[in-house]
Amino acid sequence: MAKVLLVEDDVALRDIYSARFMAEGYDVVTASDGEMALTQAVKEKPDLIILDVMMPKISGFDVLDILRATPETKDTKVIMMTALSQNADIDKGKSLGADEYLVKSQVTLTDVIDKAKAVLAR
């Protein structure tokens, strides 16, 4: 099954999403900040990264920019999942190369799993 790197600084959310992805049969690796996300992305070579934007050390936007500029991770699928819902934020995420941009308050756990499956199937 596919490997998912879940990057979320909120421990409760990270645990909930990890449990659900594992229940769906995915291998799950986690990171709690942008710096750790970059290390895990190169080390673990996930098929998909679920990436929060507002995090300690390095923001999700900067992480995505670095991922796209790094040969080992430039083609890794990335879903931004954040509280930022402004059009400017959505446009920034997509312009940096996010495969999808989800606003946390507008999606359910099932929506996230379904979107992950769709992105991985592309």
N, C-alpha and C. Protein backbone atom coordinates (compact mmCIF):
# COMPACT_ATOMS: atom_id res chain seq x y z
N MET A 1 0.85 -1.18 0.00
CA MET A 1 0.00 0.00 0.00
C MET A 1 0.89 1.24 0.00
N ALA A 2 0.30 2.34 -0.34
CA ALA A 2 1.04 3.59 -0.45
C ALA A 2 1.50 4.10 0.91
N LYS A 3 2.59 4.86 0.88
CA LYS A 3 3.12 5.47 2.11
C LYS A 3 2.73 6.94 2.12
N VAL A 4 2.18 7.39 3.25
CA VAL A 4 1.75 8.77 3.42
C VAL A 4 2.59 9.42 4.51
N LEU A 5 3.10 10.61 4.20
CA LEU A 5 3.77 11.43 5.20
C LEU A 5 2.76 12.49 5.64
N LEU A 6 2.40 12.44 6.90
CA LEU A 6 1.42 13.36 7.47
C LEU A 6 2.16 14.43 8.27
N VAL A 7 2.08 15.67 7.79
CA VAL A 7 2.81 16.77 8.42
C VAL A 7 1.79 17.69 9.09
N GLU A 8 1.75 17.62 10.42
CA GLU A 8 0.75 18.36 11.19
C GLU A 8 1.32 18.63 12.58
N ASP A 9 1.29 19.90 13.01
CA ASP A 9 1.84 20.22 14.33
C ASP A 9 0.83 20.01 15.46
N ASP A 10 -0.44 19.89 15.14
CA ASP A 10 -1.47 19.63 16.16
C ASP A 10 -1.48 18.12 16.44
N VAL A 11 -1.07 17.75 17.66
CA VAL A 11 -0.92 16.33 18.02
C VAL A 11 -2.23 15.56 17.85
N ALA A 12 -3.34 16.12 18.31
CA ALA A 12 -4.63 15.43 18.22
C ALA A 12 -5.02 15.16 16.77
N LEU A 13 -4.89 16.18 15.93
CA LEU A 13 -5.21 15.99 14.51
C LEU A 13 -4.28 14.97 13.87
N ARG A 14 -3.00 15.06 14.19
CA ARG A 14 -2.03 14.13 13.62
C ARG A 14 -2.39 12.70 14.00
N ASP A 15 -2.76 12.49 15.26
CA ASP A 15 -3.13 11.14 15.71
C ASP A 15 -4.40 10.63 15.03
N ILE A 16 -5.39 11.50 14.91
CA ILE A 16 -6.66 11.11 14.27
C ILE A 16 -6.43 10.73 12.81
N TYR A 17 -5.72 11.59 12.08
CA TYR A 17 -5.48 11.31 10.66
C TYR A 17 -4.59 10.09 10.47
N SER A 18 -3.58 9.95 11.33
CA SER A 18 -2.71 8.77 11.23
C SER A 18 -3.51 7.49 11.41
N ALA A 19 -4.35 7.47 12.44
CA ALA A 19 -5.16 6.28 12.72
C ALA A 19 -6.08 5.95 11.55
N ARG A 20 -6.68 6.95 10.97
CA ARG A 20 -7.61 6.71 9.86
C ARG A 20 -6.87 6.21 8.62
N PHE A 21 -5.73 6.84 8.29
CA PHE A 21 -4.96 6.38 7.13
C PHE A 21 -4.47 4.94 7.35
N MET A 22 -4.03 4.62 8.56
CA MET A 22 -3.57 3.24 8.85
C MET A 22 -4.74 2.27 8.73
N ALA A 23 -5.92 2.68 9.20
CA ALA A 23 -7.10 1.82 9.10
C ALA A 23 -7.47 1.55 7.64
N GLU A 24 -7.13 2.50 6.77
CA GLU A 24 -7.39 2.34 5.34
C GLU A 24 -6.28 1.54 4.65
N GLY A 25 -5.25 1.13 5.42
CA GLY A 25 -4.21 0.29 4.86
C GLY A 25 -2.95 1.00 4.41
N TYR A 26 -2.84 2.29 4.70
CA TYR A 26 -1.65 3.04 4.29
C TYR A 26 -0.55 2.90 5.33
N ASP A 27 0.70 2.96 4.87
CA ASP A 27 1.84 3.11 5.76
C ASP A 27 1.89 4.60 6.09
N VAL A 28 2.01 4.96 7.35
CA VAL A 28 1.99 6.36 7.74
C VAL A 28 3.26 6.74 8.48
N VAL A 29 3.85 7.84 8.05
CA VAL A 29 5.00 8.45 8.71
C VAL A 29 4.54 9.86 9.07
N THR A 30 4.98 10.38 10.21
CA THR A 30 4.53 11.71 10.59
C THR A 30 5.70 12.66 10.83
N ALA A 31 5.35 13.95 10.77
CA ALA A 31 6.29 15.02 11.10
C ALA A 31 5.49 16.12 11.77
N SER A 32 6.11 16.79 12.75
CA SER A 32 5.39 17.81 13.51
C SER A 32 5.81 19.25 13.16
N ASP A 33 6.79 19.38 12.28
CA ASP A 33 7.18 20.72 11.82
C ASP A 33 7.79 20.62 10.42
N GLY A 34 8.00 21.78 9.82
CA GLY A 34 8.48 21.81 8.44
C GLY A 34 9.87 21.22 8.24
N GLU A 35 10.73 21.44 9.22
CA GLU A 35 12.10 20.90 9.12
C GLU A 35 12.07 19.37 9.12
N MET A 36 11.30 18.80 10.05
CA MET A 36 11.17 17.35 10.13
C MET A 36 10.51 16.80 8.86
N ALA A 37 9.57 17.55 8.31
CA ALA A 37 8.88 17.12 7.09
C ALA A 37 9.86 16.92 5.94
N LEU A 38 10.78 17.87 5.79
CA LEU A 38 11.75 17.76 4.70
C LEU A 38 12.68 16.56 4.90
N THR A 39 13.11 16.34 6.13
CA THR A 39 13.97 15.20 6.44
C THR A 39 13.24 13.88 6.15
N GLN A 40 12.00 13.78 6.63
CA GLN A 40 11.21 12.56 6.42
C GLN A 40 10.90 12.33 4.94
N ALA A 41 10.64 13.40 4.20
CA ALA A 41 10.30 13.26 2.78
C ALA A 41 11.45 12.62 2.00
N VAL A 42 12.67 13.04 2.29
CA VAL A 42 13.84 12.48 1.59
C VAL A 42 14.14 11.07 2.09
N LYS A 43 14.06 10.87 3.41
CA LYS A 43 14.40 9.57 4.00
C LYS A 43 13.35 8.50 3.68
N GLU A 44 12.09 8.83 3.84
CA GLU A 44 11.01 7.83 3.72
C GLU A 44 10.45 7.66 2.31
N LYS A 45 10.68 8.64 1.44
CA LYS A 45 10.17 8.61 0.06
C LYS A 45 8.68 8.25 0.01
N PRO A 46 7.82 9.08 0.65
CA PRO A 46 6.39 8.78 0.65
C PRO A 46 5.78 8.95 -0.74
N ASP A 47 4.66 8.27 -0.95
CA ASP A 47 3.92 8.42 -2.21
C ASP A 47 3.09 9.70 -2.18
N LEU A 48 2.72 10.12 -0.98
CA LEU A 48 1.87 11.29 -0.80
C LEU A 48 2.24 11.99 0.50
N ILE A 49 2.24 13.33 0.45
CA ILE A 49 2.46 14.13 1.64
C ILE A 49 1.21 14.96 1.90
N ILE A 50 0.67 14.83 3.12
CA ILE A 50 -0.43 15.70 3.57
C ILE A 50 0.26 16.78 4.39
N LEU A 51 0.18 18.03 3.93
CA LEU A 51 1.04 19.09 4.46
C LEU A 51 0.24 20.26 5.02
N ASP A 52 0.40 20.50 6.31
CA ASP A 52 -0.18 21.68 6.96
C ASP A 52 0.64 22.89 6.51
N VAL A 53 0.06 24.09 6.61
CA VAL A 53 0.78 25.29 6.22
C VAL A 53 1.40 25.99 7.43
N MET A 54 0.59 26.26 8.44
CA MET A 54 1.08 27.01 9.59
C MET A 54 1.72 26.07 10.61
N MET A 55 3.07 26.01 10.54
CA MET A 55 3.83 25.08 11.39
C MET A 55 5.08 25.76 11.93
N PRO A 56 5.63 25.17 12.99
CA PRO A 56 6.91 25.70 13.51
C PRO A 56 8.06 25.47 12.52
N LYS A 57 9.07 26.27 12.67
CA LYS A 57 10.35 26.18 11.95
C LYS A 57 10.25 26.59 10.49
N ILE A 58 9.54 25.82 9.67
CA ILE A 58 9.40 26.13 8.24
C ILE A 58 7.93 25.99 7.88
N SER A 59 7.36 26.99 7.23
CA SER A 59 5.94 26.92 6.86
C SER A 59 5.72 25.87 5.78
N GLY A 60 4.50 25.42 5.69
CA GLY A 60 4.14 24.44 4.66
C GLY A 60 4.39 24.95 3.24
N PHE A 61 4.14 26.25 3.03
CA PHE A 61 4.41 26.82 1.71
C PHE A 61 5.89 26.70 1.37
N ASP A 62 6.75 27.02 2.34
CA ASP A 62 8.20 26.92 2.11
C ASP A 62 8.63 25.46 1.94
N VAL A 63 8.02 24.57 2.73
CA VAL A 63 8.32 23.14 2.58
C VAL A 63 7.98 22.69 1.16
N LEU A 64 6.81 23.06 0.69
CA LEU A 64 6.39 22.66 -0.66
C LEU A 64 7.35 23.20 -1.71
N ASP A 65 7.74 24.46 -1.56
CA ASP A 65 8.68 25.08 -2.50
C ASP A 65 10.00 24.29 -2.52
N ILE A 66 10.49 23.91 -1.35
CA ILE A 66 11.74 23.15 -1.26
C ILE A 66 11.56 21.75 -1.84
N LEU A 67 10.43 21.11 -1.53
CA LEU A 67 10.16 19.77 -2.08
C LEU A 67 10.20 19.79 -3.60
N ARG A 68 9.56 20.78 -4.20
CA ARG A 68 9.49 20.87 -5.67
C ARG A 68 10.85 21.18 -6.28
N ALA A 69 11.75 21.80 -5.52
CA ALA A 69 13.09 22.15 -6.02
C ALA A 69 14.12 21.05 -5.76
N THR A 70 13.72 20.01 -5.03
CA THR A 70 14.64 18.93 -4.66
C THR A 70 14.42 17.74 -5.58
N PRO A 71 15.46 17.28 -6.28
CA PRO A 71 15.28 16.18 -7.25
C PRO A 71 14.59 14.94 -6.69
N GLU A 72 14.91 14.56 -5.43
CA GLU A 72 14.33 13.33 -4.86
C GLU A 72 12.83 13.47 -4.56
N THR A 73 12.36 14.69 -4.40
CA THR A 73 10.96 14.88 -3.97
C THR A 73 10.12 15.72 -4.94
N LYS A 74 10.71 16.13 -6.05
CA LYS A 74 10.00 17.06 -6.94
C LYS A 74 8.70 16.50 -7.50
N ASP A 75 8.60 15.18 -7.63
CA ASP A 75 7.39 14.57 -8.19
C ASP A 75 6.47 13.95 -7.14
N THR A 76 6.82 14.08 -5.86
CA THR A 76 5.98 13.53 -4.80
C THR A 76 4.65 14.27 -4.76
N LYS A 77 3.57 13.52 -4.66
CA LYS A 77 2.23 14.13 -4.60
C LYS A 77 2.07 14.83 -3.25
N VAL A 78 1.48 16.04 -3.28
CA VAL A 78 1.30 16.83 -2.06
C VAL A 78 -0.11 17.39 -2.01
N ILE A 79 -0.76 17.15 -0.86
CA ILE A 79 -2.04 17.78 -0.58
C ILE A 79 -1.82 18.75 0.57
N MET A 80 -2.07 20.03 0.31
CA MET A 80 -2.01 21.02 1.38
C MET A 80 -3.31 20.89 2.17
N MET A 81 -3.20 20.85 3.50
CA MET A 81 -4.39 20.79 4.32
C MET A 81 -4.21 21.79 5.46
N THR A 82 -4.99 22.86 5.41
CA THR A 82 -4.72 24.00 6.27
C THR A 82 -5.99 24.73 6.68
N ALA A 83 -5.86 25.59 7.66
CA ALA A 83 -6.97 26.45 8.06
C ALA A 83 -7.06 27.68 7.16
N LEU A 84 -6.02 27.94 6.39
CA LEU A 84 -6.00 29.12 5.52
C LEU A 84 -6.95 28.93 4.34
N SER A 85 -7.99 29.77 4.28
CA SER A 85 -9.01 29.58 3.25
C SER A 85 -9.11 30.74 2.27
N GLN A 86 -8.24 31.73 2.39
CA GLN A 86 -8.27 32.86 1.47
C GLN A 86 -7.85 32.42 0.07
N ASN A 87 -8.45 33.04 -0.95
CA ASN A 87 -8.10 32.70 -2.33
C ASN A 87 -6.61 32.88 -2.59
N ALA A 88 -6.00 33.90 -1.99
CA ALA A 88 -4.57 34.14 -2.19
C ALA A 88 -3.74 32.96 -1.67
N ASP A 89 -4.16 32.38 -0.54
CA ASP A 89 -3.45 31.23 0.01
C ASP A 89 -3.63 30.00 -0.88
N ILE A 90 -4.86 29.79 -1.34
CA ILE A 90 -5.14 28.65 -2.23
C ILE A 90 -4.33 28.79 -3.51
N ASP A 91 -4.32 30.00 -4.08
CA ASP A 91 -3.56 30.23 -5.32
C ASP A 91 -2.07 30.02 -5.08
N LYS A 92 -1.57 30.45 -3.93
CA LYS A 92 -0.14 30.27 -3.61
C LYS A 92 0.19 28.78 -3.53
N GLY A 93 -0.64 28.02 -2.83
CA GLY A 93 -0.40 26.58 -2.72
C GLY A 93 -0.37 25.90 -4.07
N LYS A 94 -1.32 26.25 -4.91
CA LYS A 94 -1.37 25.62 -6.24
C LYS A 94 -0.21 26.08 -7.12
N SER A 95 0.15 27.37 -7.01
CA SER A 95 1.26 27.87 -7.84
C SER A 95 2.59 27.26 -7.43
N LEU A 96 2.70 26.87 -6.15
CA LEU A 96 3.93 26.22 -5.68
C LEU A 96 3.96 24.74 -6.05
N GLY A 97 2.85 24.21 -6.55
CA GLY A 97 2.86 22.84 -7.02
C GLY A 97 2.06 21.84 -6.21
N ALA A 98 1.15 22.32 -5.34
CA ALA A 98 0.30 21.39 -4.59
C ALA A 98 -0.64 20.67 -5.55
N ASP A 99 -0.81 19.37 -5.34
CA ASP A 99 -1.73 18.61 -6.18
C ASP A 99 -3.18 18.91 -5.80
N GLU A 100 -3.40 19.21 -4.52
CA GLU A 100 -4.72 19.59 -4.02
C GLU A 100 -4.53 20.54 -2.85
N TYR A 101 -5.56 21.34 -2.57
CA TYR A 101 -5.53 22.27 -1.44
C TYR A 101 -6.84 22.11 -0.70
N LEU A 102 -6.77 21.63 0.53
CA LEU A 102 -7.97 21.40 1.34
C LEU A 102 -7.98 22.34 2.54
N VAL A 103 -9.14 22.92 2.81
CA VAL A 103 -9.32 23.77 3.98
C VAL A 103 -9.92 22.89 5.08
N LYS A 104 -9.21 22.80 6.21
CA LYS A 104 -9.60 21.88 7.29
C LYS A 104 -11.06 22.01 7.70
N SER A 105 -11.55 23.23 7.80
CA SER A 105 -12.93 23.44 8.27
C SER A 105 -13.97 23.03 7.23
N GLN A 106 -13.53 22.75 6.01
CA GLN A 106 -14.47 22.44 4.93
C GLN A 106 -14.44 20.97 4.50
N VAL A 107 -13.65 20.15 5.18
CA VAL A 107 -13.54 18.74 4.79
C VAL A 107 -13.69 17.83 6.01
N THR A 108 -14.21 16.64 5.75
CA THR A 108 -14.29 15.62 6.79
C THR A 108 -13.10 14.68 6.63
N LEU A 109 -12.93 13.83 7.61
CA LEU A 109 -11.87 12.82 7.55
C LEU A 109 -12.04 11.96 6.30
N THR A 110 -13.27 11.58 6.00
CA THR A 110 -13.55 10.77 4.81
C THR A 110 -13.20 11.53 3.53
N ASP A 111 -13.49 12.84 3.49
CA ASP A 111 -13.13 13.65 2.32
C ASP A 111 -11.62 13.62 2.08
N VAL A 112 -10.86 13.70 3.16
CA VAL A 112 -9.39 13.71 3.04
C VAL A 112 -8.90 12.37 2.51
N ILE A 113 -9.44 11.29 3.02
CA ILE A 113 -9.06 9.95 2.55
C ILE A 113 -9.41 9.80 1.07
N ASP A 114 -10.62 10.21 0.71
CA ASP A 114 -11.06 10.12 -0.70
C ASP A 114 -10.17 10.95 -1.62
N LYS A 115 -9.81 12.14 -1.17
CA LYS A 115 -8.95 13.02 -1.98
C LYS A 115 -7.56 12.39 -2.11
N ALA A 116 -7.06 11.80 -1.04
CA ALA A 116 -5.76 11.13 -1.07
C ALA A 116 -5.77 9.99 -2.09
N LYS A 117 -6.84 9.20 -2.06
CA LYS A 117 -6.96 8.08 -3.01
C LYS A 117 -6.97 8.60 -4.44
N ALA A 118 -7.72 9.69 -4.67
CA ALA A 118 -7.82 10.27 -6.02
C ALA A 118 -6.47 10.79 -6.50
N VAL A 119 -5.74 11.49 -5.62
CA VAL A 119 -4.44 12.03 -6.00
C VAL A 119 -3.45 10.90 -6.28
N LEU A 120 -3.46 9.87 -5.45
CA LEU A 120 -2.56 8.74 -5.66
C LEU A 120 -2.88 7.97 -6.94
N ALA A 121 -4.13 8.00 -7.36
CA ALA A 121 -4.54 7.27 -8.56
C ALA A 121 -4.15 7.99 -9.86
N ARG A 122 -3.78 9.26 -9.75
CA ARG A 122 -3.44 10.04 -10.96
C ARG A 122 -2.16 9.54 -11.60
